[in-house]
PDB file of all heavy atoms in Angstrom:
ATOM      1  N   ASP A   1      49.467 101.203  97.009  1.00  0.00           N
ATOM      2  CA  ASP A   1      48.371 100.389  96.465  1.00  0.00           C
ATOM      3  C   ASP A   1      48.998  99.710  95.260  1.00  0.00           C
ATOM      4  O   ASP A   1      48.557  99.552  94.124  1.00  0.00           O
ATOM      5  CB  ASP A   1      47.190 101.144  96.079  1.00  0.00           C
ATOM      6  CG  ASP A   1      46.050 100.086  95.831  1.00  0.00           C
ATOM      7  OD1 ASP A   1      46.140  99.001  96.310  1.00  0.00           O
ATOM      8  OD2 ASP A   1      44.905 100.544  95.347  1.00  0.00           O
ATOM      9  N   ARG A   2      50.048  98.851  95.530  1.00  0.00           N
ATOM     10  CA  ARG A   2      50.608  98.007  94.537  1.00  0.00           C
ATOM     11  C   ARG A   2      49.776  96.956  94.009  1.00  0.00           C
ATOM     12  O   ARG A   2      49.718  96.736  92.819  1.00  0.00           O
ATOM     13  CB  ARG A   2      51.951  97.272  95.109  1.00  0.00           C
ATOM     14  CG  ARG A   2      52.987  98.286  95.579  1.00  0.00           C
ATOM     15  CD  ARG A   2      54.180  97.659  96.238  1.00  0.00           C
ATOM     16  NE  ARG A   2      53.917  96.821  97.481  1.00  0.00           N
ATOM     17  CZ  ARG A   2      54.792  96.444  98.169  1.00  0.00           C
ATOM     18  NH1 ARG A   2      56.046  96.562  97.994  1.00  0.00           N
ATOM     19  NH2 ARG A   2      54.311  95.726  99.351  1.00  0.00           N
ATOM     20  N   ILE A   3      48.865  96.358  94.924  1.00  0.00           N
ATOM     21  CA  ILE A   3      47.963  95.326  94.415  1.00  0.00           C
ATOM     22  C   ILE A   3      46.897  95.876  93.508  1.00  0.00           C
ATOM     23  O   ILE A   3      46.425  95.313  92.551  1.00  0.00           O
ATOM     24  CB  ILE A   3      47.312  94.609  95.678  1.00  0.00           C
ATOM     25  CG1 ILE A   3      46.610  93.206  95.087  1.00  0.00           C
ATOM     26  CG2 ILE A   3      46.555  95.391  96.425  1.00  0.00           C
ATOM     27  CD1 ILE A   3      47.497  92.183  94.459  1.00  0.00           C
ATOM     28  N   GLY A   4      46.542  97.172  93.818  1.00  0.00           N
ATOM     29  CA  GLY A   4      45.554  97.787  93.140  1.00  0.00           C
ATOM     30  C   GLY A   4      46.131  98.047  91.763  1.00  0.00           C
ATOM     31  O   GLY A   4      45.300  98.065  90.737  1.00  0.00           O
ATOM     32  N   ALA A   5      47.330  98.561  91.536  1.00  0.00           N
ATOM     33  CA  ALA A   5      47.865  98.816  90.300  1.00  0.00           C
ATOM     34  C   ALA A   5      48.005  97.605  89.441  1.00  0.00           C
ATOM     35  O   ALA A   5      47.575  97.594  88.269  1.00  0.00           O
ATOM     36  CB  ALA A   5      49.296  99.398  90.422  1.00  0.00           C
ATOM     37  N   ALA A   6      48.398  96.452  90.041  1.00  0.00           N
ATOM     38  CA  ALA A   6      48.459  95.091  89.279  1.00  0.00           C
ATOM     39  C   ALA A   6      46.988  94.712  88.945  1.00  0.00           C
ATOM     40  O   ALA A   6      46.787  94.146  87.829  1.00  0.00           O
ATOM     41  CB  ALA A   6      49.103  94.126  90.260  1.00  0.00           C
ATOM     42  N   GLY A   7      46.035  94.907  89.797  1.00  0.00           N
ATOM     43  CA  GLY A   7      44.741  94.631  89.501  1.00  0.00           C
ATOM     44  C   GLY A   7      44.105  95.366  88.294  1.00  0.00           C
ATOM     45  O   GLY A   7      43.293  94.827  87.471  1.00  0.00           O
ATOM     46  N   ALA A   8      44.432  96.735  88.328  1.00  0.00           N
ATOM     47  CA  ALA A   8      43.761  97.398  87.091  1.00  0.00           C
ATOM     48  C   ALA A   8      44.352  97.030  85.824  1.00  0.00           C
ATOM     49  O   ALA A   8      43.655  96.892  84.782  1.00  0.00           O
ATOM     50  CB  ALA A   8      44.268  98.823  87.372  1.00  0.00           C
ATOM     51  N   LEU A   9      45.682  96.781  85.833  1.00  0.00           N
ATOM     52  CA  LEU A   9      46.318  96.121  84.552  1.00  0.00           C
ATOM     53  C   LEU A   9      45.795  94.838  84.144  1.00  0.00           C
ATOM     54  O   LEU A   9      45.416  94.600  82.997  1.00  0.00           O
ATOM     55  CB  LEU A   9      47.831  95.979  84.792  1.00  0.00           C
ATOM     56  CG  LEU A   9      48.620  95.483  83.576  1.00  0.00           C
ATOM     57  CD1 LEU A   9      48.478  96.485  82.462  1.00  0.00           C
ATOM     58  CD2 LEU A   9      50.155  95.367  83.964  1.00  0.00           C
ATOM     59  N   ALA A  10      45.532  94.001  85.025  1.00  0.00           N
ATOM     60  CA  ALA A  10      44.828  92.663  84.871  1.00  0.00           C
ATOM     61  C   ALA A  10      43.480  92.728  84.348  1.00  0.00           C
ATOM     62  O   ALA A  10      43.083  91.981  83.409  1.00  0.00           O
ATOM     63  CB  ALA A  10      44.852  91.843  86.198  1.00  0.00           C
ATOM     64  N   ARG A  11      42.628  93.594  84.910  1.00  0.00           N
ATOM     65  CA  ARG A  11      41.348  93.808  84.491  1.00  0.00           C
ATOM     66  C   ARG A  11      41.279  94.235  82.999  1.00  0.00           C
ATOM     67  O   ARG A  11      40.500  93.853  82.276  1.00  0.00           O
ATOM     68  CB  ARG A  11      40.549  94.928  85.353  1.00  0.00           C
ATOM     69  CG  ARG A  11      40.067  94.275  86.556  1.00  0.00           C
ATOM     70  CD  ARG A  11      38.911  95.130  87.227  1.00  0.00           C
ATOM     71  NE  ARG A  11      39.719  96.400  87.634  1.00  0.00           N
ATOM     72  CZ  ARG A  11      40.392  96.668  88.755  1.00  0.00           C
ATOM     73  NH1 ARG A  11      40.406  95.642  89.624  1.00  0.00           N
ATOM     74  NH2 ARG A  11      40.927  97.865  89.113  1.00  0.00           N
ATOM     75  N   GLU A  12      42.310  95.164  82.559  1.00  0.00           N
ATOM     76  CA  GLU A  12      42.158  95.700  81.245  1.00  0.00           C
ATOM     77  C   GLU A  12      42.643  94.618  80.317  1.00  0.00           C
ATOM     78  O   GLU A  12      42.233  94.549  79.145  1.00  0.00           O
ATOM     79  CB  GLU A  12      43.279  96.819  81.228  1.00  0.00           C
ATOM     80  CG  GLU A  12      42.897  98.132  81.808  1.00  0.00           C
ATOM     81  CD  GLU A  12      41.723  98.740  81.136  1.00  0.00           C
ATOM     82  OE1 GLU A  12      41.702  98.724  79.897  1.00  0.00           O
ATOM     83  OE2 GLU A  12      40.961  99.089  81.823  1.00  0.00           O
ATOM     84  N   LEU A  13      43.490  93.574  80.723  1.00  0.00           N
ATOM     85  CA  LEU A  13      43.817  92.413  79.905  1.00  0.00           C
ATOM     86  C   LEU A  13      42.845  91.292  80.019  1.00  0.00           C
ATOM     87  O   LEU A  13      42.908  90.257  79.451  1.00  0.00           O
ATOM     88  CB  LEU A  13      45.115  91.886  80.224  1.00  0.00           C
ATOM     89  CG  LEU A  13      46.381  92.820  80.202  1.00  0.00           C
ATOM     90  CD1 LEU A  13      47.638  92.395  80.749  1.00  0.00           C
ATOM     91  CD2 LEU A  13      46.433  93.231  78.749  1.00  0.00           C
ATOM     92  N   GLY A  14      41.625  91.531  80.843  1.00  0.00           N
ATOM     93  CA  GLY A  14      40.711  90.378  80.869  1.00  0.00           C
ATOM     94  C   GLY A  14      40.972  89.261  81.832  1.00  0.00           C
ATOM     95  O   GLY A  14      40.452  88.238  81.705  1.00  0.00           O
ATOM     96  N   TYR A  15      41.899  89.645  82.677  1.00  0.00           N
ATOM     97  CA  TYR A  15      42.357  88.610  83.762  1.00  0.00           C
ATOM     98  C   TYR A  15      41.875  88.915  85.208  1.00  0.00           C
ATOM     99  O   TYR A  15      41.528  90.104  85.453  1.00  0.00           O
ATOM    100  CB  TYR A  15      43.814  88.510  83.818  1.00  0.00           C
ATOM    101  CG  TYR A  15      44.534  87.722  82.812  1.00  0.00           C
ATOM    102  CD1 TYR A  15      45.064  88.560  81.623  1.00  0.00           C
ATOM    103  CD2 TYR A  15      44.660  86.476  82.610  1.00  0.00           C
ATOM    104  CE1 TYR A  15      45.829  87.869  80.599  1.00  0.00           C
ATOM    105  CE2 TYR A  15      45.309  85.739  81.598  1.00  0.00           C
ATOM    106  CZ  TYR A  15      45.878  86.535  80.517  1.00  0.00           C
ATOM    107  OH  TYR A  15      46.484  85.835  79.508  1.00  0.00           O
ATOM    108  N   GLY A  16      41.708  88.021  86.105  1.00  0.00           N
ATOM    109  CA  GLY A  16      41.657  88.105  87.412  1.00  0.00           C
ATOM    110  C   GLY A  16      43.115  88.149  88.200  1.00  0.00           C
ATOM    111  O   GLY A  16      44.042  88.041  87.462  1.00  0.00           O
ATOM    112  N   LEU A  17      43.099  88.080  89.427  1.00  0.00           N
ATOM    113  CA  LEU A  17      44.497  87.998  90.080  1.00  0.00           C
ATOM    114  C   LEU A  17      44.446  86.955  91.142  1.00  0.00           C
ATOM    115  O   LEU A  17      43.498  86.570  91.738  1.00  0.00           O
ATOM    116  CB  LEU A  17      44.566  89.365  90.960  1.00  0.00           C
ATOM    117  CG  LEU A  17      45.049  90.605  90.361  1.00  0.00           C
ATOM    118  CD1 LEU A  17      45.269  91.680  91.453  1.00  0.00           C
ATOM    119  CD2 LEU A  17      46.216  90.415  89.497  1.00  0.00           C
ATOM    120  N   LEU A  18      45.606  86.325  91.227  1.00  0.00           N
ATOM    121  CA  LEU A  18      45.804  85.234  92.401  1.00  0.00           C
ATOM    122  C   LEU A  18      47.118  85.834  93.071  1.00  0.00           C
ATOM    123  O   LEU A  18      48.289  85.796  92.562  1.00  0.00           O
ATOM    124  CB  LEU A  18      46.059  83.911  91.829  1.00  0.00           C
ATOM    125  CG  LEU A  18      46.424  82.953  92.823  1.00  0.00           C
ATOM    126  CD1 LEU A  18      45.074  82.594  93.654  1.00  0.00           C
ATOM    127  CD2 LEU A  18      46.821  81.581  92.146  1.00  0.00           C
ATOM    128  N   GLU A  19      46.946  86.342  94.232  1.00  0.00           N
ATOM    129  CA  GLU A  19      48.106  86.767  95.046  1.00  0.00           C
ATOM    130  C   GLU A  19      48.774  85.741  95.861  1.00  0.00           C
ATOM    131  O   GLU A  19      48.095  85.021  96.427  1.00  0.00           O
ATOM    132  CB  GLU A  19      47.683  87.983  95.985  1.00  0.00           C
ATOM    133  CG  GLU A  19      48.933  88.623  96.665  1.00  0.00           C
ATOM    134  CD  GLU A  19      48.582  89.799  97.654  1.00  0.00           C
ATOM    135  OE1 GLU A  19      47.264  89.850  97.812  1.00  0.00           O
ATOM    136  OE2 GLU A  19      49.368  90.477  98.232  1.00  0.00           O
ATOM    137  N   ILE A  20      50.119  85.744  95.701  1.00  0.00           N
ATOM    138  CA  ILE A  20      50.973  84.580  96.352  1.00  0.00           C
ATOM    139  C   ILE A  20      51.815  85.254  97.303  1.00  0.00           C
ATOM    140  O   ILE A  20      52.710  86.077  96.828  1.00  0.00           O
ATOM    141  CB  ILE A  20      51.742  83.839  95.286  1.00  0.00           C
ATOM    142  CG1 ILE A  20      50.794  83.203  94.303  1.00  0.00           C
ATOM    143  CG2 ILE A  20      52.517  82.761  95.951  1.00  0.00           C
ATOM    144  CD1 ILE A  20      51.208  83.059  92.934  1.00  0.00           C
ATOM    145  N   ASP A  21      51.606  85.102  98.685  1.00  0.00           N
ATOM    146  CA  ASP A  21      52.414  85.804  99.656  1.00  0.00           C
ATOM    147  C   ASP A  21      53.715  84.989  99.740  1.00  0.00           C
ATOM    148  O   ASP A  21      53.764  83.810 100.202  1.00  0.00           O
ATOM    149  CB  ASP A  21      51.658  85.735 100.939  1.00  0.00           C
ATOM    150  CG  ASP A  21      52.355  86.528 102.128  1.00  0.00           C
ATOM    151  OD1 ASP A  21      53.414  87.051 101.702  1.00  0.00           O
ATOM    152  OD2 ASP A  21      51.899  86.657 103.189  1.00  0.00           O
ATOM    153  N   CYS A  22      54.742  85.677  99.328  1.00  0.00           N
ATOM    154  CA  CYS A  22      56.182  85.054  99.413  1.00  0.00           C
ATOM    155  C   CYS A  22      56.963  85.611 100.520  1.00  0.00           C
ATOM    156  O   CYS A  22      58.184  85.636 100.541  1.00  0.00           O
ATOM    157  CB  CYS A  22      56.890  85.373  98.029  1.00  0.00           C
ATOM    158  SG  CYS A  22      56.045  84.578  96.591  1.00  0.00           S
ATOM    159  N   THR A  23      56.276  85.908 101.585  1.00  0.00           N
ATOM    160  CA  THR A  23      56.986  86.411 102.884  1.00  0.00           C
ATOM    161  C   THR A  23      56.537  85.682 104.054  1.00  0.00           C
ATOM    162  O   THR A  23      55.363  85.767 104.405  1.00  0.00           O
ATOM    163  CB  THR A  23      56.680  87.813 103.189  1.00  0.00           C
ATOM    164  OG1 THR A  23      56.948  88.623 101.941  1.00  0.00           O
ATOM    165  CG2 THR A  23      57.529  88.553 104.259  1.00  0.00           C
ATOM    166  N   PRO A  24      57.311  84.700 104.611  1.00  0.00           N
ATOM    167  CA  PRO A  24      58.781  84.418 104.235  1.00  0.00           C
ATOM    168  C   PRO A  24      58.721  83.565 102.851  1.00  0.00           C
ATOM    169  O   PRO A  24      57.708  83.043 102.516  1.00  0.00           O
ATOM    170  CB  PRO A  24      59.230  83.555 105.351  1.00  0.00           C
ATOM    171  CG  PRO A  24      58.014  82.891 105.987  1.00  0.00           C
ATOM    172  CD  PRO A  24      56.905  83.966 105.745  1.00  0.00           C
TER     173      PRO A  24
END
């Protein structure tokens, strides 16, 4: 759950998330 780990950190900092798929 990499996106979950990033999301938990962002919430603690008061941010939302914008996921950018770089594949390809």
